[in-house]
Amino acid sequence: GKAGGGGKRRGKPGKK
């Protein structure tokens, strides 16, 4: 995913 990703429903993992 993108940096700090996740999205509204958090479908995919993201970096923080």
Protein backbone atom coordinates (compact mmCIF):
# COMPACT_ATOMS: atom_id res chain seq x y z
CA GLY A 1 0.00 0.00 0.00
CA LYS A 2 0.94 3.68 0.14
CA ALA A 3 2.72 5.41 3.00
CA GLY A 4 0.13 5.80 5.76
CA GLY A 5 -2.35 3.98 3.53
CA GLY A 6 -5.30 1.87 4.64
CA GLY A 7 -8.24 3.68 3.10
CA LYS A 8 -11.71 4.27 4.53
CA ARG A 9 -12.44 0.58 5.09
CA ARG A 10 -8.80 -0.45 5.75
CA GLY A 11 -8.93 -3.15 3.10
CA LYS A 12 -5.14 -3.21 2.59
CA PRO A 13 -2.16 -2.79 4.93
CA GLY A 14 -0.19 0.46 4.88
CA LYS A 15 3.01 1.92 6.32
CA LYS A 16 2.87 4.52 9.08
